[in-house]
């Protein structure tokens, strides 16, 4: 949302932040490099790993 000025002040922006920020806070241990926060990329990567693991586990069960 940082790409859109004023997005945090809208109702949709506050709603999305309330959903996404608790998950992203887990990955905030990575310091921003040059003002760019890479924690969302790490969060997406981690989510992909969990998804692949769950799909593999489900394929074993079914």
C-alpha atoms as a PDB file:
ATOM      1  CA  UNK A   1       0.000   0.000   0.000  1.00  0.00           C
ATOM      2  CA  UNK A   2       2.995   2.279   0.262  1.00  0.00           C
ATOM      3  CA  UNK A   3       2.856   2.675  -3.521  1.00  0.00           C
ATOM      4  CA  UNK A   4      -0.469   4.495  -3.233  1.00  0.00           C
ATOM      5  CA  UNK A   5      -0.316   7.780  -1.299  1.00  0.00           C
ATOM      6  CA  UNK A   6      -2.970   7.968   1.393  1.00  0.00           C
ATOM      7  CA  UNK A   7      -3.974   4.307   1.101  1.00  0.00           C
ATOM      8  CA  UNK A   8      -3.470   3.710   4.832  1.00  0.00           C
ATOM      9  CA  UNK A   9      -6.032   6.400   5.660  1.00  0.00           C
ATOM     10  CA  UNK A  10      -8.875   4.700   3.759  1.00  0.00           C
ATOM     11  CA  UNK A  11     -11.213   2.139   5.265  1.00  0.00           C
ATOM     12  CA  UNK A  12      -9.936  -0.539   2.899  1.00  0.00           C
ATOM     13  CA  UNK A  13      -6.340   0.311   3.775  1.00  0.00           C
ATOM     14  CA  UNK A  14      -6.979   0.031   7.512  1.00  0.00           C
ATOM     15  CA  UNK A  15      -8.829  -3.265   6.979  1.00  0.00           C
ATOM     16  CA  UNK A  16      -5.995  -4.769   4.912  1.00  0.00           C
ATOM     17  CA  UNK A  17      -3.388  -3.551   7.389  1.00  0.00           C
ATOM     18  CA  UNK A  18      -5.264  -5.117  10.295  1.00  0.00           C
ATOM     19  CA  UNK A  19      -5.214  -8.470   8.496  1.00  0.00           C
ATOM     20  CA  UNK A  20      -1.709  -8.420   6.991  1.00  0.00           C
ATOM     21  CA  UNK A  21       0.405  -6.659   9.619  1.00  0.00           C
ATOM     22  CA  UNK A  22       0.243  -9.394  12.312  1.00  0.00           C
ATOM     23  CA  UNK A  23       1.686 -11.904   9.821  1.00  0.00           C
ATOM     24  CA  UNK A  24       4.254  -9.495   8.417  1.00  0.00           C
ATOM     25  CA  UNK A  25       5.454  -8.529  11.916  1.00  0.00           C
ATOM     26  CA  UNK A  26       6.905 -12.045  12.249  1.00  0.00           C
ATOM     27  CA  UNK A  27       9.364 -11.202   9.461  1.00  0.00           C
ATOM     28  CA  UNK A  28      10.275  -7.671  10.521  1.00  0.00           C
ATOM     29  CA  UNK A  29      13.566  -8.921  12.015  1.00  0.00           C
ATOM     30  CA  UNK A  30      15.074  -8.258   8.569  1.00  0.00           C
ATOM     31  CA  UNK A  31      16.272  -4.644   8.520  1.00  0.00           C
ATOM     32  CA  UNK A  32      15.227  -2.536   5.519  1.00  0.00           C
ATOM     33  CA  UNK A  33      17.997  -2.149   2.963  1.00  0.00           C
ATOM     34  CA  UNK A  34      18.142   1.253   1.322  1.00  0.00           C
ATOM     35  CA  UNK A  35      14.684   2.084   2.626  1.00  0.00           C
ATOM     36  CA  UNK A  36      13.138  -1.014   1.022  1.00  0.00           C
ATOM     37  CA  UNK A  37      11.414  -3.502   3.316  1.00  0.00           C
ATOM     38  CA  UNK A  38      12.040  -7.061   2.117  1.00  0.00           C
ATOM     39  CA  UNK A  39       9.992  -8.724   4.853  1.00  0.00           C
ATOM     40  CA  UNK A  40       6.906  -9.105   2.586  1.00  0.00           C
ATOM     41  CA  UNK A  41       9.007 -11.079   0.088  1.00  0.00           C
ATOM     42  CA  UNK A  42      10.248 -13.367   2.845  1.00  0.00           C
ATOM     43  CA  UNK A  43       6.675 -13.716   4.123  1.00  0.00           C
ATOM     44  CA  UNK A  44       5.420 -14.755   0.670  1.00  0.00           C
ATOM     45  CA  UNK A  45       8.297 -17.231   0.350  1.00  0.00           C
ATOM     46  CA  UNK A  46       7.493 -18.733   3.757  1.00  0.00           C
ATOM     47  CA  UNK A  47       3.806 -18.953   2.861  1.00  0.00           C
ATOM     48  CA  UNK A  48       4.735 -20.812  -0.335  1.00  0.00           C
ATOM     49  CA  UNK A  49       6.842 -23.303   1.601  1.00  0.00           C
ATOM     50  CA  UNK A  50       3.993 -23.951   4.034  1.00  0.00           C
ATOM     51  CA  UNK A  51       1.569 -24.384   1.132  1.00  0.00           C
ATOM     52  CA  UNK A  52       3.838 -26.898  -0.613  1.00  0.00           C
ATOM     53  CA  UNK A  53       4.307 -28.782   2.648  1.00  0.00           C
ATOM     54  CA  UNK A  54       0.578 -28.961   3.291  1.00  0.00           C
ATOM     55  CA  UNK A  55      -0.121 -30.127  -0.263  1.00  0.00           C
ATOM     56  CA  UNK A  56       2.534 -32.819   0.060  1.00  0.00           C
ATOM     57  CA  UNK A  57       1.123 -33.929   3.399  1.00  0.00           C
ATOM     58  CA  UNK A  58      -2.409 -34.043   2.004  1.00  0.00           C
ATOM     59  CA  UNK A  59      -1.266 -36.052  -1.009  1.00  0.00           C
ATOM     60  CA  UNK A  60       0.178 -38.656   1.373  1.00  0.00           C
ATOM     61  CA  UNK A  61      -3.062 -38.900   3.315  1.00  0.00           C
ATOM     62  CA  UNK A  62      -5.392 -39.061   0.334  1.00  0.00           C
END
